Amino acid sequence: MASDVEPPLYLTAMNLSRMDVPSMYSFSNRSLITSGRVSRRNHTQRVPFSMTAQFPNERIPGAIKLAKIKDLQSKVNAAEDLFKKRPLWTRAAILSTLNIDKYAAIVILPCVSFFFLGGPWRLTWCRHGYDPRKDPDAKMWQTIEFRAQSLELRKHLRRRFDEKDDYIFKEGDIPSQVNSLYQLIDIHVKEIQDLLVDSPFKTCHEKYGWITAATTDKIRKIIDEKANEAVIAKYGRSLPANQTEDQEDSDDSLMVLSNKDSDTSEDAEDFTSDDDD
């Protein structure tokens, strides 16, 4: 016999909900699973990197049409000139150089370039028709991700969510966030540029591009040293020398064991990019 009692209504606690206020969802009659071509959110050509992949040579006509509708053709022309000077750019570099916001970039960039999802040029926009696997000079446009390790550096990282991300690193600079993405050409440190004079590979490596893993590690170490020197020069030293994030986690673990109600571990900020918005 079926019960007439309705099951209890379970509501998500306010502090666990993604929404601050209730919202109405308009349901449609569309099936959950449909056949046919999946509609694009935008015209970005996202390309996984491999040694056998075919890279796009032409832009999607719909991208140009959308740029004209949005009255951004002049910015598209400026982007074309930009990519003639340099075939690969990070989004942060493009936003700063063209003085546009990320919403305009979503429309403009697919008109002149495609987006690398991975590989040595990960998270860069590449000019249509250009293949960095065939050009040893493309090493200068490879990307390197830098994560601040020392607590001294992490403590003084500047939080500037209302400004564009830094894309250039030079001596005396302090990174703008825990995780930063730089192209090698935008790292203005002599020791690093000296490491890039010669290409050790005669052919492009699928993972390391035109430089070795050892060189990549050296570059990260130099950036870390220079950033720490800049912090100490500006703020002085307030923590034990060479204390790292791992040591902090170890100290936090001991504190938690002694006091289970205490939680002082610092959340690590993952490197994120909405280039593929």
Protein backbone atom coordinates (compact mmCIF):
# COMPACT_ATOMS: atom_id res chain seq x y z
CA MET A 1 0.00 0.00 0.00
CA ALA A 2 1.48 3.29 -1.11
CA SER A 3 2.00 5.92 1.55
CA ASP A 4 0.25 9.27 1.16
CA VAL A 5 2.98 10.98 3.12
CA GLU A 6 5.20 13.12 0.90
CA PRO A 7 8.94 12.65 1.30
CA PRO A 8 10.76 15.44 3.15
CA LEU A 9 12.12 18.30 1.08
CA TYR A 10 15.89 18.56 1.33
CA LEU A 11 17.25 22.04 0.74
CA THR A 12 20.89 22.93 0.35
CA ALA A 13 22.25 24.98 3.21
CA MET A 14 22.73 28.61 2.23
CA ASN A 15 26.49 28.53 2.77
CA LEU A 16 26.80 25.51 0.46
CA SER A 17 24.76 26.92 -2.40
CA ARG A 18 26.33 28.56 -5.45
CA MET A 19 23.47 31.07 -5.60
CA ASP A 20 22.81 33.86 -3.11
CA VAL A 21 19.17 34.36 -4.13
CA PRO A 22 16.52 32.03 -5.62
CA SER A 23 16.28 32.00 -9.40
CA MET A 24 13.73 30.64 -11.84
CA TYR A 25 14.88 28.06 -14.39
CA SER A 26 12.96 27.93 -17.67
CA PHE A 27 12.67 24.29 -18.64
CA SER A 28 12.38 23.43 -22.34
CA ASN A 29 11.01 20.47 -24.27
CA ARG A 30 14.39 19.57 -25.72
CA SER A 31 15.59 16.05 -25.10
CA LEU A 32 18.61 15.53 -22.89
CA ILE A 33 20.36 13.65 -25.70
CA THR A 34 20.07 14.95 -29.25
CA SER A 35 21.57 14.02 -32.59
CA GLY A 36 23.42 16.40 -34.85
CA ARG A 37 26.20 18.96 -34.57
CA VAL A 38 26.90 20.39 -31.15
CA SER A 39 26.43 24.15 -31.14
CA ARG A 40 29.47 26.29 -30.33
CA ARG A 41 29.55 28.71 -27.43
CA ASN A 42 31.95 30.77 -29.52
CA HIS A 43 34.22 30.30 -32.54
CA THR A 44 37.43 29.42 -30.71
CA GLN A 45 39.44 26.63 -32.33
CA ARG A 46 40.90 24.67 -29.40
CA VAL A 47 43.78 22.42 -30.44
CA PRO A 48 45.46 19.68 -28.37
CA PHE A 49 49.21 19.69 -29.03
CA SER A 50 50.94 16.67 -30.54
CA MET A 51 53.63 16.04 -33.14
CA THR A 52 51.07 14.74 -35.63
CA ALA A 53 48.19 17.15 -35.07
CA GLN A 54 46.99 19.31 -37.94
CA PHE A 55 46.85 22.95 -36.92
CA PRO A 56 44.17 25.26 -38.38
CA ASN A 57 45.25 27.33 -41.37
CA GLU A 58 42.07 29.32 -41.81
CA ARG A 59 39.70 31.17 -39.55
CA ILE A 60 36.06 30.30 -39.16
CA PRO A 61 33.86 32.61 -41.29
CA GLY A 62 31.39 32.95 -38.45
CA ALA A 63 34.08 34.55 -36.30
CA ILE A 64 34.55 37.43 -38.74
CA LYS A 65 30.81 37.87 -39.06
CA LEU A 66 30.42 38.07 -35.29
CA ALA A 67 33.24 40.63 -35.02
CA LYS A 68 31.48 42.86 -37.55
CA ILE A 69 28.20 42.54 -35.68
CA LYS A 70 29.97 43.54 -32.47
CA ASP A 71 31.68 46.46 -34.28
CA LEU A 72 35.14 45.10 -33.46
CA GLN A 73 36.64 44.96 -36.95
CA SER A 74 39.20 47.66 -36.14
CA LYS A 75 40.40 45.60 -33.18
CA VAL A 76 40.57 42.52 -35.40
CA ASN A 77 42.85 44.44 -37.77
CA ALA A 78 45.02 45.47 -34.82
CA ALA A 79 45.19 41.84 -33.69
CA GLU A 80 46.28 40.76 -37.18
CA ASP A 81 49.16 43.26 -37.05
CA LEU A 82 50.06 41.99 -33.58
CA PHE A 83 50.28 38.37 -34.71
CA LYS A 84 52.42 39.36 -37.71
CA LYS A 85 55.04 40.68 -35.29
CA ARG A 86 54.84 37.64 -33.03
CA PRO A 87 52.94 34.43 -33.86
CA LEU A 88 52.10 33.28 -30.32
CA TRP A 89 50.64 35.26 -27.43
CA THR A 90 49.12 34.62 -24.03
CA ARG A 91 45.77 36.19 -23.43
CA ALA A 92 47.17 38.45 -20.69
CA ALA A 93 49.72 39.83 -23.15
CA ILE A 94 47.04 40.42 -25.77
CA LEU A 95 44.68 42.17 -23.37
CA SER A 96 47.46 44.48 -22.23
CA THR A 97 48.89 45.21 -25.68
CA LEU A 98 45.57 45.79 -27.47
CA ASN A 99 43.94 47.39 -24.42
CA ILE A 100 40.81 45.26 -24.66
CA ASP A 101 38.81 43.30 -22.09
CA LYS A 102 38.36 39.53 -22.06
CA TYR A 103 34.85 39.75 -23.52
CA ALA A 104 36.11 41.53 -26.62
CA ALA A 105 38.98 39.04 -26.82
CA ILE A 106 36.50 36.15 -27.02
CA VAL A 107 35.22 37.66 -30.27
CA ILE A 108 38.49 39.00 -31.69
CA LEU A 109 41.01 36.20 -31.13
CA PRO A 110 39.22 33.44 -33.11
CA CYS A 111 39.38 35.75 -36.15
CA VAL A 112 43.18 35.60 -36.27
CA SER A 113 44.33 32.62 -34.21
CA PHE A 114 43.66 29.25 -32.60
CA PHE A 115 44.20 28.16 -29.00
CA PHE A 116 46.70 25.55 -27.72
CA LEU A 117 45.25 23.42 -24.94
CA GLY A 118 48.56 21.80 -24.03
CA GLY A 119 52.17 21.21 -25.01
CA PRO A 120 55.17 23.58 -24.85
CA TRP A 121 52.95 26.48 -25.98
CA ARG A 122 50.12 25.65 -23.60
CA LEU A 123 47.49 28.36 -23.13
CA THR A 124 48.74 30.52 -25.98
CA TRP A 125 46.94 31.81 -29.04
CA CYS A 126 48.73 30.90 -32.27
CA ARG A 127 48.44 32.68 -35.61
CA HIS A 128 46.59 30.71 -38.27
CA GLY A 129 49.03 28.91 -40.55
CA TYR A 130 51.98 29.05 -38.15
CA ASP A 131 53.54 25.78 -36.91
CA PRO A 132 55.95 26.20 -33.95
CA ARG A 133 57.10 22.58 -34.36
CA LYS A 134 58.97 23.61 -37.52
CA ASP A 135 60.60 26.78 -36.21
CA PRO A 136 63.44 26.59 -33.63
CA ASP A 137 62.90 30.28 -32.87
CA ALA A 138 59.50 29.33 -31.48
CA LYS A 139 61.26 28.40 -28.22
CA MET A 140 61.04 32.06 -27.23
CA TRP A 141 57.25 31.87 -27.26
CA GLN A 142 57.01 28.72 -25.15
CA THR A 143 55.17 29.10 -21.86
CA ILE A 144 56.38 28.28 -18.39
CA GLU A 145 54.20 28.06 -15.31
CA PHE A 146 55.72 29.42 -12.13
CA ARG A 147 54.37 28.63 -8.67
CA ALA A 148 55.56 30.65 -5.69
CA GLN A 149 57.10 28.23 -3.20
CA SER A 150 58.53 30.26 -0.32
CA LEU A 151 56.15 31.58 2.31
CA GLU A 152 57.98 34.91 2.28
CA LEU A 153 56.98 35.37 -1.35
CA ARG A 154 53.47 33.98 -0.98
CA LYS A 155 52.81 36.27 1.98
CA HIS A 156 53.43 39.41 -0.05
CA LEU A 157 51.85 38.47 -3.36
CA ARG A 158 49.82 41.36 -4.64
CA ARG A 159 46.10 40.64 -5.07
CA ARG A 160 44.84 42.76 -7.94
CA PHE A 161 41.69 41.10 -9.20
CA ASP A 162 40.52 44.34 -10.81
CA GLU A 163 43.59 44.60 -13.04
CA LYS A 164 45.04 42.58 -15.89
CA ASP A 165 47.43 39.78 -15.00
CA ASP A 166 51.14 40.48 -15.33
CA TYR A 167 52.64 38.87 -18.41
CA ILE A 168 56.16 40.30 -18.16
CA PHE A 169 58.64 39.35 -15.45
CA LYS A 170 61.82 41.33 -14.85
CA GLU A 171 64.30 41.78 -12.04
CA GLY A 172 62.72 43.58 -9.11
CA ASP A 173 59.22 42.34 -9.95
CA ILE A 174 56.91 40.51 -7.56
CA PRO A 175 54.44 38.13 -9.27
CA SER A 176 50.80 39.14 -9.04
CA GLN A 177 49.55 35.71 -7.98
CA VAL A 178 50.66 32.36 -6.58
CA ASN A 179 50.62 30.73 -10.01
CA SER A 180 51.83 32.72 -13.00
CA LEU A 181 52.16 31.93 -16.70
CA TYR A 182 54.96 33.55 -18.70
CA GLN A 183 56.24 33.24 -22.22
CA LEU A 184 60.02 32.94 -22.29
CA ILE A 185 60.36 36.05 -24.44
CA ASP A 186 58.58 38.05 -21.72
CA ILE A 187 61.01 37.06 -18.95
CA HIS A 188 63.47 39.97 -18.94
CA VAL A 189 66.22 38.39 -16.86
CA LYS A 190 69.68 38.12 -18.41
CA GLU A 191 70.53 34.75 -16.81
CA ILE A 192 67.40 33.25 -18.30
CA GLN A 193 67.85 34.75 -21.75
CA ASP A 194 71.43 33.43 -21.79
CA LEU A 195 70.05 29.91 -21.30
CA LEU A 196 67.98 30.31 -24.47
CA VAL A 197 70.73 31.30 -26.88
CA ASP A 198 71.16 27.82 -28.34
CA SER A 199 68.52 25.22 -29.19
CA PRO A 200 69.62 21.80 -27.87
CA PHE A 201 67.16 19.92 -30.07
CA LYS A 202 67.30 19.55 -33.84
CA THR A 203 63.63 18.67 -33.84
CA CYS A 204 60.80 19.81 -31.62
CA HIS A 205 60.09 17.69 -28.54
CA GLU A 206 56.41 17.00 -27.90
CA LYS A 207 56.65 17.86 -24.19
CA TYR A 208 59.57 20.29 -23.93
CA GLY A 209 59.48 22.00 -27.31
CA TRP A 210 62.90 23.39 -28.24
CA ILE A 211 64.44 23.44 -24.73
CA THR A 212 65.30 20.71 -22.24
CA ALA A 213 63.52 19.84 -19.01
CA ALA A 214 66.67 20.83 -17.11
CA THR A 215 66.58 24.30 -18.66
CA THR A 216 62.93 24.66 -17.69
CA ASP A 217 63.75 23.79 -14.08
CA LYS A 218 66.62 26.31 -14.05
CA ILE A 219 64.31 29.03 -15.35
CA ARG A 220 61.76 28.39 -12.61
CA LYS A 221 64.50 28.43 -9.98
CA ILE A 222 65.88 31.75 -11.22
CA ILE A 223 62.40 33.33 -11.26
CA ASP A 224 61.84 32.12 -7.70
CA GLU A 225 65.17 33.54 -6.55
CA LYS A 226 64.60 36.90 -8.24
CA ALA A 227 61.05 37.20 -6.89
CA ASN A 228 62.19 36.40 -3.34
CA GLU A 229 65.00 38.94 -3.60
CA ALA A 230 62.46 41.56 -4.70
CA VAL A 231 60.16 40.78 -1.76
CA ILE A 232 62.96 40.94 0.79
CA ALA A 233 64.30 44.17 -0.71
CA LYS A 234 60.87 45.80 -0.49
CA TYR A 235 59.42 44.37 2.72
CA GLY A 236 62.35 42.86 4.60
CA ARG A 237 62.39 39.30 5.89
CA SER A 238 59.60 38.37 8.30
CA LEU A 239 59.77 34.56 8.10
CA PRO A 240 62.58 32.00 8.47
CA ALA A 241 64.78 31.87 5.37
CA ASN A 242 63.91 29.26 2.74
CA GLN A 243 60.70 28.16 4.46
CA THR A 244 58.54 26.60 1.77
CA GLU A 245 54.91 25.70 1.25
CA ASP A 246 55.66 22.04 2.04
CA GLN A 247 57.19 23.03 5.37
CA GLU A 248 54.12 25.10 6.13
CA ASP A 249 51.88 22.12 5.43
CA SER A 250 54.04 20.00 7.76
CA ASP A 251 53.79 22.59 10.53
CA ASP A 252 50.03 22.79 10.02
CA SER A 253 49.71 19.01 10.32
CA LEU A 254 51.44 19.11 13.71
CA MET A 255 49.18 21.92 14.83
CA VAL A 256 46.07 20.00 13.79
CA LEU A 257 47.24 16.97 15.77
CA SER A 258 47.65 19.09 18.88
CA ASN A 259 44.40 20.97 18.37
CA LYS A 260 41.82 19.34 16.12
CA ASP A 261 39.66 22.45 16.13
CA SER A 262 42.46 24.48 14.57
CA ASP A 263 42.88 24.68 10.82
CA THR A 264 45.62 27.03 9.68
CA SER A 265 46.56 25.36 6.42
CA GLU A 266 46.68 27.77 3.50
CA ASP A 267 44.60 26.93 0.46
CA ALA A 268 46.78 26.64 -2.62
CA GLU A 269 45.51 28.68 -5.53
CA ASP A 270 45.46 26.53 -8.66
CA PHE A 271 46.59 28.03 -11.90
CA THR A 272 43.44 28.78 -13.93
CA SER A 273 42.83 30.40 -17.25
CA ASP A 274 39.61 31.32 -18.89
CA ASP A 275 41.28 31.64 -22.28
CA ASP A 276 38.87 29.06 -23.56
CA ASP A 277 35.79 30.96 -22.46
